Structure formats: C-alpha cells, structure tokens
Amino acid sequence: TTATTNPWNNEDLVVEYEKRVEPFTSLFVRDMVDCLPPPRKLLDIGCGTGFTAERYAPTCVEGLTAVDASAAMVRRTQERVPKATCLVADGHDLSLKDADFDLAVAAFSVVFFRDPLLGLKQILGKLSPGGKIAMAAWGSVEETPAFQVFPRALSDVLPPPHLLHIQRPKRIDASSMQTLLEKAGFCDVEIRGPVEHYVHVSSPKEFYNRFALTSPSYRDKLMELPTEYRMAVEERVMELARQGNQSTTNNHDESVAIPCKAYFAYGTKMMS
C-alpha cells in the first residue's frame, strides 16, 4: 500500500481511531516502551494518531521523527506534537536524512510492511550504534478473542460471495519477530510476552462501533452490504460480544471487556 492509496488516509476514520482504538493500543505502547531508558532522539514508525510521539516528546531533546503511510494520520500527529518532524512515508522506504536515533518504536506497524525484513533493515540503518528498536505484534487468533468477534459475525451472517475481498489481518508471531530482527542485523534480540489488556467498551453497540468505524476493511464491506445484511451483522457482533464478555462489573452494567494479547520484541544495533 502506498501513501497515496492507503485505506487509512481518511479524516473521519482517523477521528474514530483516536477516540476508540488509541486508548486500547496505548496500553501496550506504555508497557513496551516505559521499561526502556527515555529516548533522546526517537523514530516512531507507523505513528498513527500520535500517542507515542506525544507521550515521549518531552524527553526527546535531540529530535523526534514520526512517519506513517497515511497522510491523515501524519497530520493528526503533527497537530498533537508540533515540535516533531512528521512525514508521510512507508516504513520500508525510510528516506530520512537522520541516522542517529537512539530508539525506534514500531507499535503494531511492521505487520503492514510489504517486506518486513527490508523495513527492519531500513530501521537499523537509521539507528546510532547501540540504538534500540521496540516493536509490537498481536498474538495468535486464540490469543486475541476480541479481534475474532467481527470476522466470526461476518462469517455467520453473510453468504460466501459477500465474504470475498475482506482483508484478513496479517500476523507476525513471536518467533518470527525474533528471526526477522536477527536477519535484519539486530543483536541482543529479546522477546517479551504475552502481555494482555482488554478491549473495554460501555456496551455491545459500542463494541460494534469500535471495529465498524475504525477498520477500513470492515467499514468498506459494511457500506456495500444491503441494509438487512448490515443490520444482521451488527446484531451478531453484539450477540458474540455479550457471549465473550469477561467484564466483572455488575449485571446492570452493559459494559463489555474481551482480552487480547501481544508480544514485544527488542533489538540493538551493534556498536561499531
């Protein structure tokens, strides 16, 4: 996907993503990065709506660069972090002048690279000797039940022709992360996880909205469906959300909480 054709390049989707998805993914970013020394110069690959850049900007006394293939995401990050250098770029084509970052963060972004190994080699080339990468990837299907509700609802409701052309999320498992980092040239590779957090929303309807309004693939599929199918998908998602709910709140509370696990990988650029 190029920056110009990126399905995430949509202002409405960016607004919904920041509202509905960032509060969840940011929990993992904190877990992944807060255990590291504060970065002086940060490279944020797949910056999204800007949480990582905003959180760590105060320590980045030597600079902060945030890149994303979505121009809409980049604009939002620039609004939140005016001091940052924010660029529209594919993660595997980093045409950056700077090559002295002490930390590169890739939170759930490497999976979107056309060539993850090439992308990681590019990132390695932008780090100073001794610089580190911290990357995150979601766990297996079994480890991410919150992410399985919508695909299952679509499969349960839609006849086969309507199931075509729905983009299935790619996955990079923990062992693959280690192999990729080592092949890219990183040393002292460490895998951490699984780390678990909950997709927690106020109601089954909000669980549906959390995915329907923030995923380009689901959004586009729902828009092309006849009304009766669209309503049936919504009802099935809400039903499955109720079934999978692990919320410990009282019975009068409609909130839904379903877990997801992720893994973190760390690597270091060798000292020259």
Protein backbone atom coordinates (compact mmCIF):
# COMPACT_ATOMS: atom_id res chain seq x y z
CA THR A 1 0.00 0.00 0.00
CA THR A 2 1.44 3.37 -0.97
CA ALA A 3 0.87 6.56 0.96
CA THR A 4 -1.48 7.87 -1.72
CA THR A 5 -3.70 4.78 -1.83
CA ASN A 6 -3.55 3.90 1.85
CA PRO A 7 -7.05 3.00 3.07
CA TRP A 8 -6.23 4.66 6.38
CA ASN A 9 -5.90 8.03 4.65
CA ASN A 10 -9.35 9.17 5.75
CA GLU A 11 -10.00 12.04 8.17
CA ASP A 12 -13.22 10.58 9.61
CA LEU A 13 -11.55 7.25 10.24
CA VAL A 14 -8.63 8.98 11.98
CA VAL A 15 -11.03 10.75 14.35
CA GLU A 16 -12.75 7.48 15.21
CA TYR A 17 -9.44 5.65 15.56
CA GLU A 18 -8.09 8.16 18.07
CA LYS A 19 -11.31 8.01 20.05
CA ARG A 20 -11.95 4.26 20.01
CA VAL A 21 -8.69 2.40 19.31
CA GLU A 22 -5.84 4.51 20.68
CA PRO A 23 -6.96 4.16 24.34
CA PHE A 24 -6.50 0.39 23.93
CA THR A 25 -3.31 0.20 21.87
CA SER A 26 -1.68 2.86 24.04
CA LEU A 27 -1.79 0.45 27.00
CA PHE A 28 0.59 -1.85 25.13
CA VAL A 29 2.82 1.04 24.00
CA ARG A 30 3.30 2.09 27.61
CA ASP A 31 4.17 -1.46 28.61
CA MET A 32 6.59 -1.81 25.72
CA VAL A 33 8.47 1.50 25.98
CA ASP A 34 8.29 2.62 29.59
CA CYS A 35 10.74 -0.12 30.62
CA LEU A 36 13.44 1.44 28.39
CA PRO A 37 15.63 4.48 29.10
CA PRO A 38 13.85 7.68 27.97
CA PRO A 39 14.76 8.33 24.33
CA ARG A 40 16.78 11.41 23.41
CA LYS A 41 16.02 11.04 19.71
CA LEU A 42 13.01 8.96 18.71
CA LEU A 43 11.90 7.45 15.41
CA ASP A 44 8.20 6.49 15.54
CA ILE A 45 7.32 4.17 12.63
CA GLY A 46 3.61 3.89 11.96
CA CYS A 47 2.85 6.80 14.25
CA GLY A 48 -0.92 6.54 13.88
CA THR A 49 -2.74 9.35 15.64
CA GLY A 50 0.32 10.39 17.62
CA PHE A 51 0.14 8.78 21.05
CA THR A 52 3.73 7.52 21.09
CA ALA A 53 5.15 10.78 19.77
CA GLU A 54 3.14 12.85 22.25
CA ARG A 55 3.99 10.67 25.25
CA TYR A 56 7.74 10.62 24.70
CA ALA A 57 8.25 14.07 23.14
CA PRO A 58 9.32 15.70 26.45
CA THR A 59 12.46 13.52 26.68
CA CYS A 60 13.42 13.83 23.01
CA VAL A 61 15.81 16.73 23.42
CA GLU A 62 17.68 15.84 20.23
CA GLY A 63 14.68 15.34 17.98
CA LEU A 64 11.60 13.29 17.21
CA THR A 65 10.56 11.97 13.80
CA ALA A 66 7.20 10.31 13.21
CA VAL A 67 6.26 8.57 9.97
CA ASP A 68 3.11 6.91 8.69
CA ALA A 69 1.83 5.87 5.27
CA SER A 70 -1.43 7.71 5.99
CA ALA A 71 -1.28 11.45 5.38
CA ALA A 72 -4.33 11.90 7.61
CA MET A 73 -2.58 10.13 10.48
CA VAL A 74 0.54 12.23 9.96
CA ARG A 75 -1.47 15.47 10.04
CA ARG A 76 -3.05 14.43 13.34
CA THR A 77 0.31 13.58 14.88
CA GLN A 78 1.70 16.94 13.76
CA GLU A 79 -1.24 18.70 15.43
CA ARG A 80 -0.58 16.90 18.69
CA VAL A 81 3.22 17.23 18.61
CA PRO A 82 4.15 20.48 16.80
CA LYS A 83 7.84 20.04 17.59
CA ALA A 84 8.01 16.67 15.82
CA THR A 85 9.14 16.13 12.24
CA CYS A 86 6.14 14.27 10.79
CA LEU A 87 6.46 12.63 7.39
CA VAL A 88 4.26 10.58 5.07
CA ALA A 89 6.38 7.52 4.32
CA ASP A 90 6.18 3.76 4.08
CA GLY A 91 8.01 2.05 6.90
CA HIS A 92 10.09 0.03 4.48
CA ASP A 93 11.16 3.09 2.49
CA LEU A 94 12.59 5.47 5.06
CA SER A 95 14.15 8.27 3.09
CA LEU A 96 15.38 10.13 6.15
CA LYS A 97 18.49 12.26 6.42
CA ASP A 98 18.99 11.45 10.10
CA ALA A 99 20.67 8.17 11.01
CA ASP A 100 21.41 8.68 14.69
CA PHE A 101 18.18 7.77 16.53
CA ASP A 102 18.70 6.06 19.86
CA LEU A 103 15.24 4.44 19.80
CA ALA A 104 12.88 3.32 17.05
CA VAL A 105 9.35 2.31 18.02
CA ALA A 106 7.17 0.23 15.72
CA ALA A 107 3.92 -0.43 17.57
CA PHE A 108 1.84 -2.88 15.53
CA SER A 109 3.13 -1.38 12.28
CA VAL A 110 5.71 -3.83 10.88
CA VAL A 111 2.91 -6.25 10.02
CA PHE A 112 1.69 -3.70 7.44
CA PHE A 113 5.04 -3.55 5.62
CA ARG A 114 5.07 -5.19 2.20
CA ASP A 115 8.51 -6.52 3.10
CA PRO A 116 9.03 -6.62 6.89
CA LEU A 117 12.67 -7.73 6.63
CA LEU A 118 13.53 -4.88 4.29
CA GLY A 119 11.74 -2.45 6.59
CA LEU A 120 13.65 -3.63 9.64
CA LYS A 121 16.94 -3.30 7.76
CA GLN A 122 15.97 0.27 6.90
CA ILE A 123 15.19 0.99 10.54
CA LEU A 124 18.51 -0.50 11.61
CA GLY A 125 20.27 1.90 9.26
CA LYS A 126 18.63 4.89 10.95
CA LEU A 127 19.81 3.98 14.45
CA SER A 128 23.01 5.12 16.07
CA PRO A 129 25.38 2.37 17.29
CA GLY A 130 23.83 0.94 20.42
CA GLY A 131 20.40 2.25 19.42
CA LYS A 132 17.39 0.06 20.07
CA ILE A 133 14.19 -0.97 18.34
CA ALA A 134 11.00 -1.82 20.22
CA MET A 135 8.26 -3.45 18.16
CA ALA A 136 4.89 -4.96 19.00
CA ALA A 137 2.72 -7.53 17.26
CA TRP A 138 -0.59 -9.12 18.17
CA GLY A 139 -0.76 -12.68 19.42
CA SER A 140 -2.34 -15.64 17.67
CA VAL A 141 -6.03 -15.98 16.80
CA GLU A 142 -6.51 -17.88 20.07
CA GLU A 143 -4.77 -15.10 22.00
CA THR A 144 -6.84 -12.26 20.50
CA PRO A 145 -10.52 -13.17 21.08
CA ALA A 146 -11.66 -9.53 20.89
CA PHE A 147 -10.40 -9.37 17.31
CA GLN A 148 -12.23 -12.55 16.30
CA VAL A 149 -15.75 -11.31 17.04
CA PHE A 150 -16.24 -9.25 13.89
CA PRO A 151 -14.80 -11.85 11.44
CA ARG A 152 -16.93 -14.55 13.03
CA ALA A 153 -20.07 -12.40 12.78
CA LEU A 154 -19.40 -11.74 9.11
CA SER A 155 -18.84 -15.44 8.50
CA ASP A 156 -22.01 -16.38 10.40
CA VAL A 157 -24.26 -13.89 8.61
CA LEU A 158 -23.01 -13.38 5.08
CA PRO A 159 -23.32 -15.81 2.16
CA PRO A 160 -19.97 -16.79 0.56
CA PRO A 161 -19.95 -14.17 -2.24
CA HIS A 162 -20.07 -11.37 0.31
CA LEU A 163 -17.11 -12.82 2.23
CA LEU A 164 -14.76 -12.26 -0.70
CA HIS A 165 -12.29 -9.34 -0.68
CA ILE A 166 -12.37 -8.83 3.10
CA GLN A 167 -8.79 -8.15 4.10
CA ARG A 168 -7.66 -10.55 6.79
CA PRO A 169 -5.09 -9.15 9.20
CA LYS A 170 -1.58 -10.46 8.71
CA ARG A 171 0.30 -11.75 11.70
CA ILE A 172 3.91 -11.89 12.81
CA ASP A 173 4.28 -14.30 15.72
CA ALA A 174 6.89 -14.07 18.45
CA SER A 175 9.35 -16.49 16.86
CA SER A 176 9.03 -14.70 13.52
CA MET A 177 9.77 -11.36 15.20
CA GLN A 178 12.97 -12.76 16.64
CA THR A 179 14.02 -14.26 13.30
CA LEU A 180 13.26 -11.05 11.40
CA LEU A 181 15.22 -8.87 13.82
CA GLU A 182 18.21 -11.19 13.75
CA LYS A 183 18.17 -11.44 9.95
CA ALA A 184 17.93 -7.65 9.71
CA GLY A 185 21.16 -7.38 11.69
CA PHE A 186 20.00 -6.60 15.22
CA CYS A 187 21.80 -8.17 18.16
CA ASP A 188 20.69 -8.96 21.72
CA VAL A 189 17.18 -9.73 20.48
CA GLU A 190 14.67 -10.22 23.28
CA ILE A 191 11.02 -11.28 23.12
CA ARG A 192 8.61 -10.33 25.88
CA GLY A 193 5.07 -11.55 26.34
CA PRO A 194 2.36 -12.35 26.07
CA VAL A 195 1.10 -9.08 27.54
CA GLU A 196 -2.67 -8.87 27.96
CA HIS A 197 -5.13 -5.99 28.01
CA TYR A 198 -8.87 -5.80 27.46
CA VAL A 199 -10.90 -4.13 24.76
CA HIS A 200 -13.26 -2.44 27.20
CA VAL A 201 -16.30 -0.51 25.96
CA SER A 202 -19.54 0.69 27.51
CA SER A 203 -21.95 -1.60 25.63
CA PRO A 204 -22.22 -4.27 22.90
CA LYS A 205 -23.24 -1.49 20.47
CA GLU A 206 -20.03 0.38 21.26
CA PHE A 207 -18.08 -2.83 20.71
CA TYR A 208 -19.59 -2.98 17.22
CA ASN A 209 -18.76 0.69 16.58
CA ARG A 210 -15.21 0.19 17.82
CA PHE A 211 -14.50 -2.05 14.83
CA ALA A 212 -17.07 -0.91 12.26
CA LEU A 213 -15.96 2.72 12.38
CA THR A 214 -12.19 2.23 12.70
CA SER A 215 -11.27 -0.59 10.31
CA PRO A 216 -11.13 0.35 6.61
CA SER A 217 -11.81 -3.25 5.62
CA TYR A 218 -14.90 -3.65 7.81
CA ARG A 219 -16.16 -0.15 7.09
CA ASP A 220 -15.96 -0.61 3.33
CA LYS A 221 -17.56 -4.07 3.47
CA LEU A 222 -20.46 -2.81 5.58
CA MET A 223 -21.07 0.13 3.26
CA GLU A 224 -21.52 -2.16 0.27
CA LEU A 225 -23.88 -4.59 2.00
CA PRO A 226 -27.67 -4.46 1.66
CA THR A 227 -29.31 -2.95 4.73
CA GLU A 228 -30.70 -6.25 6.00
CA TYR A 229 -27.26 -7.86 5.97
CA ARG A 230 -25.65 -4.86 7.61
CA MET A 231 -28.21 -4.93 10.43
CA ALA A 232 -27.78 -8.67 10.83
CA VAL A 233 -24.01 -8.31 11.13
CA GLU A 234 -24.44 -5.65 13.79
CA GLU A 235 -26.81 -7.84 15.79
CA ARG A 236 -24.48 -10.83 15.53
CA VAL A 237 -21.44 -8.81 16.62
CA MET A 238 -23.33 -7.58 19.67
CA GLU A 239 -24.52 -11.10 20.48
CA LEU A 240 -20.98 -12.51 20.26
CA ALA A 241 -19.64 -9.60 22.33
CA ARG A 242 -22.10 -10.46 25.09
CA GLN A 243 -21.08 -14.12 24.92
CA GLY A 244 -17.37 -13.31 25.10
CA ASN A 245 -17.70 -10.63 27.74
CA GLN A 246 -15.36 -11.02 30.71
CA SER A 247 -16.36 -7.82 32.46
CA THR A 248 -16.55 -8.15 36.24
CA THR A 249 -18.94 -5.24 36.71
CA ASN A 250 -22.50 -5.68 37.99
CA ASN A 251 -25.28 -7.21 35.94
CA HIS A 252 -26.95 -3.84 35.33
CA ASP A 253 -23.85 -2.55 33.55
CA GLU A 254 -23.78 -3.24 29.79
CA SER A 255 -20.01 -2.82 29.52
CA VAL A 256 -18.04 -5.37 27.53
CA ALA A 257 -14.47 -6.46 28.18
CA ILE A 258 -12.73 -9.00 25.93
CA PRO A 259 -8.98 -9.70 26.13
CA CYS A 260 -6.20 -9.51 23.59
CA LYS A 261 -2.55 -10.44 23.93
CA ALA A 262 0.51 -9.01 22.24
CA TYR A 263 4.23 -9.66 22.13
CA PHE A 264 7.10 -7.19 22.22
CA ALA A 265 10.46 -7.60 20.56
CA TYR A 266 13.61 -5.62 21.26
CA GLY A 267 16.88 -5.46 19.36
CA THR A 268 20.08 -3.41 19.46
CA LYS A 269 22.31 -2.07 16.72
CA MET A 270 25.85 -3.31 17.23
CA MET A 271 28.44 -0.86 18.37
CA SER A 272 30.81 -0.03 15.54
